[in-house]
N, C-alpha and C. Protein backbone atom coordinates (compact mmCIF):
# COMPACT_ATOMS: atom_id res chain seq x y z
N MET A 1 -19.26 -5.52 -52.45
CA MET A 1 -20.45 -4.84 -52.06
C MET A 1 -20.09 -3.82 -51.02
N LYS A 2 -20.66 -2.58 -51.25
CA LYS A 2 -20.42 -1.46 -50.26
C LYS A 2 -21.55 -1.51 -49.22
N ASN A 3 -21.04 -1.08 -48.05
CA ASN A 3 -21.98 -1.01 -46.86
C ASN A 3 -22.42 0.42 -46.78
N THR A 4 -23.70 0.68 -47.09
CA THR A 4 -24.26 2.09 -47.08
C THR A 4 -25.21 2.32 -45.92
N LYS A 5 -25.28 1.38 -45.02
CA LYS A 5 -26.11 1.46 -43.87
C LYS A 5 -25.74 2.69 -43.06
N GLY A 6 -24.49 2.87 -42.78
CA GLY A 6 -23.91 3.97 -41.96
C GLY A 6 -24.27 5.34 -42.60
N MET A 7 -24.25 5.29 -43.91
CA MET A 7 -24.41 6.65 -44.69
C MET A 7 -25.90 7.02 -44.55
N SER A 8 -26.80 6.06 -44.69
CA SER A 8 -28.26 6.41 -44.60
C SER A 8 -28.70 6.93 -43.22
N GLU A 9 -27.99 6.46 -42.12
CA GLU A 9 -28.22 6.96 -40.72
C GLU A 9 -27.78 8.46 -40.72
N ILE A 10 -26.73 8.80 -41.30
CA ILE A 10 -26.18 10.18 -41.35
C ILE A 10 -27.16 11.09 -42.07
N VAL A 11 -27.64 10.65 -43.28
CA VAL A 11 -28.58 11.41 -44.01
C VAL A 11 -29.90 11.62 -43.22
N VAL A 12 -30.35 10.65 -42.56
CA VAL A 12 -31.69 10.78 -41.80
C VAL A 12 -31.46 11.86 -40.68
N THR A 13 -30.27 11.75 -39.97
CA THR A 13 -29.92 12.58 -38.97
C THR A 13 -29.82 14.09 -39.40
N LEU A 14 -29.21 14.22 -40.50
CA LEU A 14 -29.16 15.61 -41.18
C LEU A 14 -30.54 16.17 -41.48
N ILE A 15 -31.36 15.36 -42.05
CA ILE A 15 -32.75 15.75 -42.47
C ILE A 15 -33.57 16.13 -41.19
N LEU A 16 -33.37 15.34 -40.16
CA LEU A 16 -34.10 15.68 -38.86
C LEU A 16 -33.65 17.08 -38.35
N ILE A 17 -32.26 17.31 -38.40
CA ILE A 17 -31.72 18.52 -37.93
C ILE A 17 -32.17 19.73 -38.69
N LEU A 18 -32.27 19.53 -39.96
CA LEU A 18 -32.74 20.63 -40.90
C LEU A 18 -34.22 20.81 -40.67
N LEU A 19 -35.01 19.82 -40.48
CA LEU A 19 -36.43 19.92 -40.24
C LEU A 19 -36.64 20.65 -38.93
N ALA A 20 -35.83 20.37 -37.80
CA ALA A 20 -35.96 21.04 -36.55
C ALA A 20 -35.63 22.53 -36.70
N ILE A 21 -34.59 22.83 -37.48
CA ILE A 21 -34.28 24.24 -37.75
C ILE A 21 -35.37 25.01 -38.44
N VAL A 22 -36.04 24.41 -39.41
CA VAL A 22 -37.21 25.05 -40.13
C VAL A 22 -38.30 25.28 -39.12
N VAL A 23 -38.69 24.32 -38.35
CA VAL A 23 -39.79 24.47 -37.35
C VAL A 23 -39.56 25.59 -36.35
N VAL A 24 -38.26 25.63 -35.88
CA VAL A 24 -37.85 26.64 -34.88
C VAL A 24 -38.00 28.06 -35.64
N GLY A 25 -37.59 28.10 -36.88
CA GLY A 25 -37.70 29.38 -37.63
C GLY A 25 -39.16 29.85 -37.84
N VAL A 26 -40.03 28.96 -38.19
CA VAL A 26 -41.45 29.22 -38.36
C VAL A 26 -42.15 29.66 -37.05
N VAL A 27 -41.77 28.98 -35.97
CA VAL A 27 -42.31 29.37 -34.65
C VAL A 27 -41.81 30.75 -34.27
N TRP A 28 -40.51 31.05 -34.48
CA TRP A 28 -39.89 32.31 -34.17
C TRP A 28 -40.63 33.38 -34.94
N VAL A 29 -40.93 33.24 -36.15
CA VAL A 29 -41.60 34.29 -36.93
C VAL A 29 -43.00 34.53 -36.36
N VAL A 30 -43.73 33.54 -36.10
CA VAL A 30 -45.10 33.69 -35.58
C VAL A 30 -45.11 34.38 -34.28
N VAL A 31 -44.26 33.98 -33.32
CA VAL A 31 -44.15 34.43 -32.01
C VAL A 31 -43.72 35.93 -32.04
N SER A 32 -42.71 36.29 -32.82
CA SER A 32 -42.30 37.62 -32.99
C SER A 32 -43.35 38.61 -33.52
N ARG A 33 -44.15 38.15 -34.44
CA ARG A 33 -45.22 38.98 -34.96
C ARG A 33 -46.27 39.22 -33.91
N VAL A 34 -46.58 38.22 -33.17
CA VAL A 34 -47.64 38.35 -32.09
C VAL A 34 -47.15 39.35 -30.97
N VAL A 35 -45.83 39.16 -30.61
CA VAL A 35 -45.27 40.05 -29.55
C VAL A 35 -45.18 41.50 -30.10
N ASN A 36 -44.82 41.65 -31.39
CA ASN A 36 -44.62 42.96 -31.91
C ASN A 36 -45.98 43.71 -32.00
N ASN A 37 -47.00 42.97 -32.43
CA ASN A 37 -48.40 43.52 -32.60
C ASN A 37 -48.87 43.92 -31.17
N GLY A 38 -48.71 43.08 -30.23
CA GLY A 38 -49.07 43.38 -28.82
C GLY A 38 -48.44 44.60 -28.23
N SER A 39 -47.15 44.71 -28.51
CA SER A 39 -46.38 45.88 -28.02
C SER A 39 -46.78 47.15 -28.71
N GLN A 40 -47.12 47.15 -29.99
CA GLN A 40 -47.62 48.34 -30.68
C GLN A 40 -49.02 48.73 -30.10
N GLN A 41 -49.90 47.77 -29.80
CA GLN A 41 -51.15 48.09 -29.25
C GLN A 41 -50.98 48.71 -27.85
N ILE A 42 -50.10 48.25 -27.03
CA ILE A 42 -49.88 48.84 -25.79
C ILE A 42 -49.35 50.28 -25.97
N ASN A 43 -48.46 50.48 -26.91
CA ASN A 43 -47.91 51.83 -27.15
C ASN A 43 -49.08 52.80 -27.56
N TYR A 44 -49.98 52.43 -28.44
CA TYR A 44 -51.09 53.26 -28.80
C TYR A 44 -52.00 53.52 -27.72
N ASN A 45 -52.33 52.53 -26.83
CA ASN A 45 -53.15 52.71 -25.64
C ASN A 45 -52.50 53.67 -24.66
N SER A 46 -51.22 53.64 -24.50
CA SER A 46 -50.61 54.54 -23.62
C SER A 46 -50.62 55.95 -24.18
N MET A 47 -50.45 56.04 -25.48
CA MET A 47 -50.57 57.40 -26.11
C MET A 47 -52.02 57.98 -25.87
N CYS A 48 -52.97 57.12 -25.98
CA CYS A 48 -54.39 57.53 -25.82
C CYS A 48 -54.59 58.00 -24.32
N LEU A 49 -54.01 57.33 -23.43
CA LEU A 49 -54.23 57.72 -22.03
C LEU A 49 -53.52 59.01 -21.71
N GLY A 50 -52.51 59.38 -22.38
CA GLY A 50 -51.74 60.56 -22.14
C GLY A 50 -52.28 61.75 -22.96
N SER A 51 -53.11 61.51 -23.88
CA SER A 51 -53.54 62.58 -24.78
C SER A 51 -55.12 62.69 -24.71
N GLN A 52 -55.63 63.89 -24.43
CA GLN A 52 -56.97 64.14 -24.33
C GLN A 52 -57.38 65.40 -25.04
N ALA A 53 -58.60 65.42 -25.56
CA ALA A 53 -59.27 66.53 -26.26
C ALA A 53 -60.63 66.75 -25.73
N GLU A 54 -61.13 67.96 -25.79
CA GLU A 54 -62.52 68.22 -25.44
C GLU A 54 -63.15 69.04 -26.53
N ILE A 55 -64.38 68.92 -26.69
CA ILE A 55 -65.19 69.74 -27.58
C ILE A 55 -65.67 71.01 -26.79
N THR A 56 -65.22 72.15 -27.24
CA THR A 56 -65.57 73.37 -26.52
C THR A 56 -66.79 74.09 -27.17
N SER A 57 -67.16 73.72 -28.42
CA SER A 57 -68.21 74.35 -29.11
C SER A 57 -68.66 73.44 -30.19
N ALA A 58 -70.05 73.45 -30.38
CA ALA A 58 -70.66 72.77 -31.62
C ALA A 58 -71.80 73.51 -31.98
N VAL A 59 -71.77 74.16 -33.21
CA VAL A 59 -72.84 74.94 -33.75
C VAL A 59 -73.32 74.20 -35.05
N CYS A 60 -74.57 73.74 -35.03
CA CYS A 60 -75.10 72.95 -36.07
C CYS A 60 -76.33 73.61 -36.63
N THR A 61 -76.57 73.35 -37.95
CA THR A 61 -77.64 73.90 -38.63
C THR A 61 -78.92 73.08 -38.28
N LYS A 62 -80.15 73.79 -38.23
CA LYS A 62 -81.36 73.13 -37.84
C LYS A 62 -81.80 72.17 -38.93
N ASP A 63 -81.33 72.32 -40.17
CA ASP A 63 -81.75 71.47 -41.32
C ASP A 63 -80.86 70.25 -41.36
N GLY A 64 -79.92 70.09 -40.40
CA GLY A 64 -79.15 68.70 -40.32
C GLY A 64 -78.16 68.63 -41.44
N THR A 65 -77.61 69.77 -42.08
CA THR A 65 -76.68 69.59 -43.15
C THR A 65 -75.17 69.75 -42.75
N SER A 66 -75.01 70.51 -41.69
CA SER A 66 -73.53 70.77 -41.26
C SER A 66 -73.47 71.16 -39.76
N CYS A 67 -72.21 71.15 -39.30
CA CYS A 67 -71.90 71.62 -37.97
C CYS A 67 -70.42 72.28 -38.04
N ASN A 68 -70.19 73.24 -37.24
CA ASN A 68 -68.88 73.70 -36.92
C ASN A 68 -68.45 73.21 -35.57
N VAL A 69 -67.43 72.47 -35.42
CA VAL A 69 -66.98 71.86 -34.22
C VAL A 69 -65.70 72.54 -33.75
N THR A 70 -65.58 72.95 -32.53
CA THR A 70 -64.21 73.39 -32.03
C THR A 70 -63.80 72.45 -31.05
N VAL A 71 -62.54 71.90 -31.17
CA VAL A 71 -61.91 70.86 -30.39
C VAL A 71 -60.73 71.49 -29.77
N ARG A 72 -60.49 71.22 -28.54
CA ARG A 72 -59.23 71.77 -27.85
C ARG A 72 -58.51 70.59 -27.22
N ARG A 73 -57.23 70.51 -27.53
CA ARG A 73 -56.34 69.46 -26.90
C ARG A 73 -56.07 69.98 -25.51
N THR A 74 -56.41 69.01 -24.48
CA THR A 74 -56.23 69.35 -23.14
C THR A 74 -54.95 68.71 -22.54
N SER A 75 -54.38 67.70 -23.19
CA SER A 75 -53.24 67.04 -22.59
C SER A 75 -52.49 66.29 -23.63
N GLY A 76 -51.33 65.97 -23.41
CA GLY A 76 -50.48 65.06 -24.28
C GLY A 76 -49.57 65.85 -25.16
N SER A 77 -48.61 65.18 -25.57
CA SER A 77 -47.58 65.79 -26.54
C SER A 77 -47.33 64.95 -27.77
N ASP A 78 -47.82 63.79 -27.84
CA ASP A 78 -47.67 62.93 -29.02
C ASP A 78 -48.38 63.47 -30.22
N PRO A 79 -47.79 63.47 -31.37
CA PRO A 79 -48.50 64.00 -32.65
C PRO A 79 -49.74 63.22 -32.89
N ILE A 80 -50.81 63.88 -33.15
CA ILE A 80 -52.03 63.21 -33.43
C ILE A 80 -52.45 63.44 -34.90
N ALA A 81 -53.15 62.53 -35.45
CA ALA A 81 -53.63 62.66 -36.89
C ALA A 81 -54.90 63.49 -36.95
N GLY A 82 -55.77 63.46 -36.01
CA GLY A 82 -56.99 64.15 -36.00
C GLY A 82 -57.91 63.73 -34.92
N VAL A 83 -59.18 63.92 -35.15
CA VAL A 83 -60.30 63.51 -34.20
C VAL A 83 -61.43 62.93 -34.84
N ARG A 84 -61.87 61.79 -34.32
CA ARG A 84 -63.16 61.25 -34.81
C ARG A 84 -64.27 61.80 -34.08
N VAL A 85 -65.18 62.39 -34.75
CA VAL A 85 -66.31 63.09 -34.15
C VAL A 85 -67.63 62.32 -34.55
N VAL A 86 -68.44 62.07 -33.54
CA VAL A 86 -69.69 61.33 -33.78
C VAL A 86 -70.79 62.38 -33.37
N PHE A 87 -71.70 62.58 -34.33
CA PHE A 87 -72.84 63.40 -34.02
C PHE A 87 -74.03 62.55 -33.81
N ASP A 88 -74.80 62.75 -32.71
CA ASP A 88 -75.95 62.04 -32.40
C ASP A 88 -77.15 62.95 -32.59
N SER A 89 -78.22 62.48 -33.25
CA SER A 89 -79.39 63.33 -33.45
C SER A 89 -80.51 62.94 -32.53
N ALA A 90 -81.59 63.81 -32.52
CA ALA A 90 -82.72 63.55 -31.61
C ALA A 90 -83.41 62.20 -31.93
N ASP A 91 -83.48 61.78 -33.20
CA ASP A 91 -84.14 60.53 -33.58
C ASP A 91 -83.34 59.32 -33.32
N GLY A 92 -82.11 59.43 -32.73
CA GLY A 92 -81.38 58.27 -32.51
C GLY A 92 -80.35 57.94 -33.60
N SER A 93 -80.37 58.51 -34.68
CA SER A 93 -79.39 58.32 -35.69
C SER A 93 -78.07 58.99 -35.43
N SER A 94 -77.09 58.61 -36.09
CA SER A 94 -75.79 59.22 -35.81
C SER A 94 -74.94 59.27 -37.11
N GLN A 95 -73.94 60.10 -37.10
CA GLN A 95 -73.01 60.17 -38.20
C GLN A 95 -71.68 60.44 -37.72
N THR A 96 -70.73 59.78 -38.31
CA THR A 96 -69.23 59.86 -37.88
C THR A 96 -68.45 60.58 -38.95
N SER A 97 -67.54 61.42 -38.44
CA SER A 97 -66.67 62.21 -39.37
C SER A 97 -65.23 62.22 -38.79
N ASP A 98 -64.28 61.84 -39.65
CA ASP A 98 -62.90 61.94 -39.13
C ASP A 98 -62.35 63.37 -39.61
N ILE A 99 -61.90 64.10 -38.63
CA ILE A 99 -61.45 65.41 -38.96
C ILE A 99 -59.90 65.46 -38.80
N ALA A 100 -59.22 65.78 -39.83
CA ALA A 100 -57.78 65.95 -39.84
C ALA A 100 -57.64 67.43 -39.38
N LEU A 101 -56.98 67.56 -38.15
CA LEU A 101 -57.00 68.82 -37.57
C LEU A 101 -55.88 69.81 -38.15
N VAL A 102 -54.65 69.42 -37.96
CA VAL A 102 -53.50 70.15 -38.37
C VAL A 102 -52.41 69.17 -38.78
N SER A 103 -51.59 69.62 -39.60
CA SER A 103 -50.39 68.76 -39.99
C SER A 103 -49.33 68.97 -38.94
N GLY A 104 -48.62 67.93 -38.50
CA GLY A 104 -47.66 68.07 -37.52
C GLY A 104 -48.28 67.95 -36.09
N ASN A 105 -47.66 68.45 -35.08
CA ASN A 105 -48.07 68.26 -33.69
C ASN A 105 -49.16 69.35 -33.35
N TRP A 106 -50.12 68.92 -32.73
CA TRP A 106 -51.22 69.79 -32.26
C TRP A 106 -50.89 69.97 -30.73
N THR A 107 -50.56 71.22 -30.39
CA THR A 107 -50.07 71.53 -29.05
C THR A 107 -51.22 71.53 -27.99
N THR A 108 -50.74 71.28 -26.76
CA THR A 108 -51.73 71.31 -25.64
C THR A 108 -52.32 72.62 -25.58
N LEU A 109 -53.62 72.71 -25.33
CA LEU A 109 -54.50 73.91 -25.11
C LEU A 109 -54.76 74.69 -26.46
N GLN A 110 -54.31 74.04 -27.59
CA GLN A 110 -54.53 74.68 -28.91
C GLN A 110 -56.00 74.31 -29.30
N SER A 111 -56.78 75.24 -29.70
CA SER A 111 -58.14 74.95 -30.21
C SER A 111 -58.19 75.05 -31.77
N VAL A 112 -58.92 74.11 -32.36
CA VAL A 112 -59.12 74.12 -33.80
C VAL A 112 -60.68 74.02 -34.04
N THR A 113 -61.09 74.88 -34.95
CA THR A 113 -62.54 74.74 -35.41
C THR A 113 -62.58 74.34 -36.90
N LYS A 114 -63.39 73.30 -37.14
CA LYS A 114 -63.53 72.72 -38.45
C LYS A 114 -64.95 72.60 -38.85
N PRO A 115 -65.39 72.82 -40.05
CA PRO A 115 -66.75 72.59 -40.55
C PRO A 115 -66.86 71.11 -40.91
N VAL A 116 -68.05 70.54 -40.67
CA VAL A 116 -68.33 69.21 -41.05
C VAL A 116 -69.70 69.20 -41.81
N THR A 117 -69.67 68.70 -42.97
CA THR A 117 -70.89 68.61 -43.81
C THR A 117 -71.40 67.21 -43.75
N PHE A 118 -72.68 67.05 -43.48
CA PHE A 118 -73.28 65.74 -43.36
C PHE A 118 -73.83 65.21 -44.69
N ILE A 119 -73.25 64.07 -45.04
CA ILE A 119 -73.79 63.35 -46.33
C ILE A 119 -73.98 61.84 -45.88
N PRO A 120 -75.19 61.36 -45.75
CA PRO A 120 -76.46 62.14 -46.01
C PRO A 120 -76.82 63.05 -44.80
N VAL A 121 -77.78 63.95 -45.16
CA VAL A 121 -78.25 64.82 -44.27
C VAL A 121 -78.99 64.16 -43.05
N LEU A 122 -78.60 64.60 -41.79
CA LEU A 122 -79.25 63.95 -40.62
C LEU A 122 -80.80 64.45 -40.68
N THR A 123 -81.59 63.47 -40.24
CA THR A 123 -83.03 63.67 -40.33
C THR A 123 -83.60 64.55 -39.11
N SER A 124 -82.81 64.81 -38.09
CA SER A 124 -83.34 65.54 -37.02
C SER A 124 -82.12 66.28 -36.49
N ASN A 125 -82.33 67.22 -35.46
CA ASN A 125 -81.27 68.07 -34.92
C ASN A 125 -80.31 67.29 -34.17
N VAL A 126 -79.06 67.73 -34.26
CA VAL A 126 -77.92 67.14 -33.50
C VAL A 126 -78.11 67.60 -31.99
N THR A 127 -78.09 66.54 -31.20
CA THR A 127 -78.25 66.77 -29.67
C THR A 127 -76.95 66.57 -28.95
N LYS A 128 -76.02 65.75 -29.48
CA LYS A 128 -74.82 65.48 -28.77
C LYS A 128 -73.68 65.26 -29.72
N VAL A 129 -72.48 65.59 -29.33
CA VAL A 129 -71.24 65.39 -30.14
C VAL A 129 -70.21 64.66 -29.21
N GLU A 130 -69.57 63.72 -29.81
CA GLU A 130 -68.55 62.90 -29.02
C GLU A 130 -67.29 63.02 -29.94
N ALA A 131 -66.09 63.07 -29.28
CA ALA A 131 -64.79 63.25 -30.01
C ALA A 131 -63.78 62.23 -29.33
N ALA A 132 -63.01 61.62 -30.20
CA ALA A 132 -61.92 60.82 -29.75
C ALA A 132 -60.68 61.07 -30.57
N ILE A 133 -59.54 61.17 -30.00
CA ILE A 133 -58.30 61.47 -30.62
C ILE A 133 -57.88 60.21 -31.53
N GLN A 134 -57.18 60.54 -32.69
CA GLN A 134 -56.77 59.60 -33.55
C GLN A 134 -55.21 59.73 -33.72
N PHE A 135 -54.49 58.60 -33.84
CA PHE A 135 -53.03 58.61 -34.10
C PHE A 135 -52.82 57.85 -35.34
N THR A 136 -51.74 58.25 -36.14
CA THR A 136 -51.31 57.51 -37.25
C THR A 136 -50.38 56.44 -36.94
N LYS A 137 -50.75 55.19 -37.29
CA LYS A 137 -49.97 54.02 -36.94
C LYS A 137 -48.76 53.94 -37.92
N THR A 138 -47.85 53.08 -37.51
CA THR A 138 -46.53 52.93 -38.36
C THR A 138 -46.84 52.45 -39.81
N ASP A 139 -47.93 51.75 -40.00
CA ASP A 139 -48.33 51.29 -41.34
C ASP A 139 -49.09 52.36 -42.14
N GLY A 140 -49.29 53.53 -41.53
CA GLY A 140 -50.07 54.57 -42.25
C GLY A 140 -51.50 54.57 -41.95
N SER A 141 -52.03 53.55 -41.35
CA SER A 141 -53.50 53.55 -41.01
C SER A 141 -53.75 54.43 -39.70
N THR A 142 -54.99 54.62 -39.44
CA THR A 142 -55.34 55.46 -38.27
C THR A 142 -55.87 54.64 -37.09
N TYR A 143 -55.38 54.94 -36.01
CA TYR A 143 -55.82 54.25 -34.74
C TYR A 143 -56.68 55.28 -33.91
N THR A 144 -57.88 54.95 -33.62
CA THR A 144 -58.88 55.80 -32.94
C THR A 144 -58.88 55.32 -31.49
N CYS A 145 -58.67 56.31 -30.53
CA CYS A 145 -58.62 56.00 -29.07
C CYS A 145 -59.97 55.53 -28.62
N GLY A 146 -60.07 54.57 -27.83
CA GLY A 146 -61.36 54.21 -27.20
C GLY A 146 -61.50 54.90 -25.86
N GLN A 147 -60.40 55.21 -25.17
CA GLN A 147 -60.39 55.91 -23.96
C GLN A 147 -60.35 57.39 -24.28
N GLY A 148 -60.91 58.13 -23.30
CA GLY A 148 -60.77 59.59 -23.37
C GLY A 148 -61.75 60.25 -24.34
N VAL A 149 -62.91 59.53 -24.65
CA VAL A 149 -63.93 60.07 -25.50
C VAL A 149 -64.65 61.10 -24.68
N THR A 150 -64.71 62.35 -25.29
CA THR A 150 -65.45 63.41 -24.63
C THR A 150 -66.82 63.62 -25.22
N THR A 151 -67.79 63.96 -24.45
CA THR A 151 -69.11 64.28 -24.95
C THR A 151 -69.49 65.70 -24.69
N TYR A 152 -70.14 66.22 -25.75
CA TYR A 152 -70.51 67.61 -25.66
C TYR A 152 -72.06 67.70 -25.94
N ASP A 153 -72.86 68.06 -24.92
CA ASP A 153 -74.37 67.98 -25.23
C ASP A 153 -75.02 69.42 -25.25
N GLN A 154 -74.15 70.45 -25.39
CA GLN A 154 -74.75 71.83 -25.41
C GLN A 154 -74.71 72.40 -26.74
N VAL A 155 -75.17 71.47 -27.76
CA VAL A 155 -75.13 71.92 -29.23
C VAL A 155 -75.97 73.11 -29.43
N ARG A 156 -75.48 74.13 -30.10
CA ARG A 156 -76.26 75.25 -30.53
C ARG A 156 -76.72 75.05 -31.96
N LEU A 157 -78.07 75.31 -32.10
CA LEU A 157 -78.70 75.22 -33.41
C LEU A 157 -78.89 76.57 -34.05
N VAL A 158 -78.53 76.73 -35.28
CA VAL A 158 -78.74 77.96 -35.95
C VAL A 158 -79.52 77.79 -37.26
């Protein structure tokens, strides 16, 4: 008769070691994803703090169908994807439009004028325009800055 008691203890020890390695691997993957996502968020926030834009002109139609918006980059050197513009009307309604300004880098103090058509048409005159810079994330999606939102309330109606 063979004595297999010693062999079963070795097998159990090996299984426990392999299980511990698998657990460490799973924990490592989860922690590294959380740290990586947090560092990317910090990177985008610092880009937002360093990049600013202002609306220098907003000319909108009285019938609420469109606006021409001029935006000027006032600081920053990071390449931006565009600007998110929010149009507020007299009746409290609003409409958001993402404007891709230029391909490549938009230099400091460069101004860009873009037409925006409202679909659906706003029911009353535009009274205020807000703008926030957008960056392209590493996954191709767009990150809109929460800081540095500029407001323009001298909208001209034509």
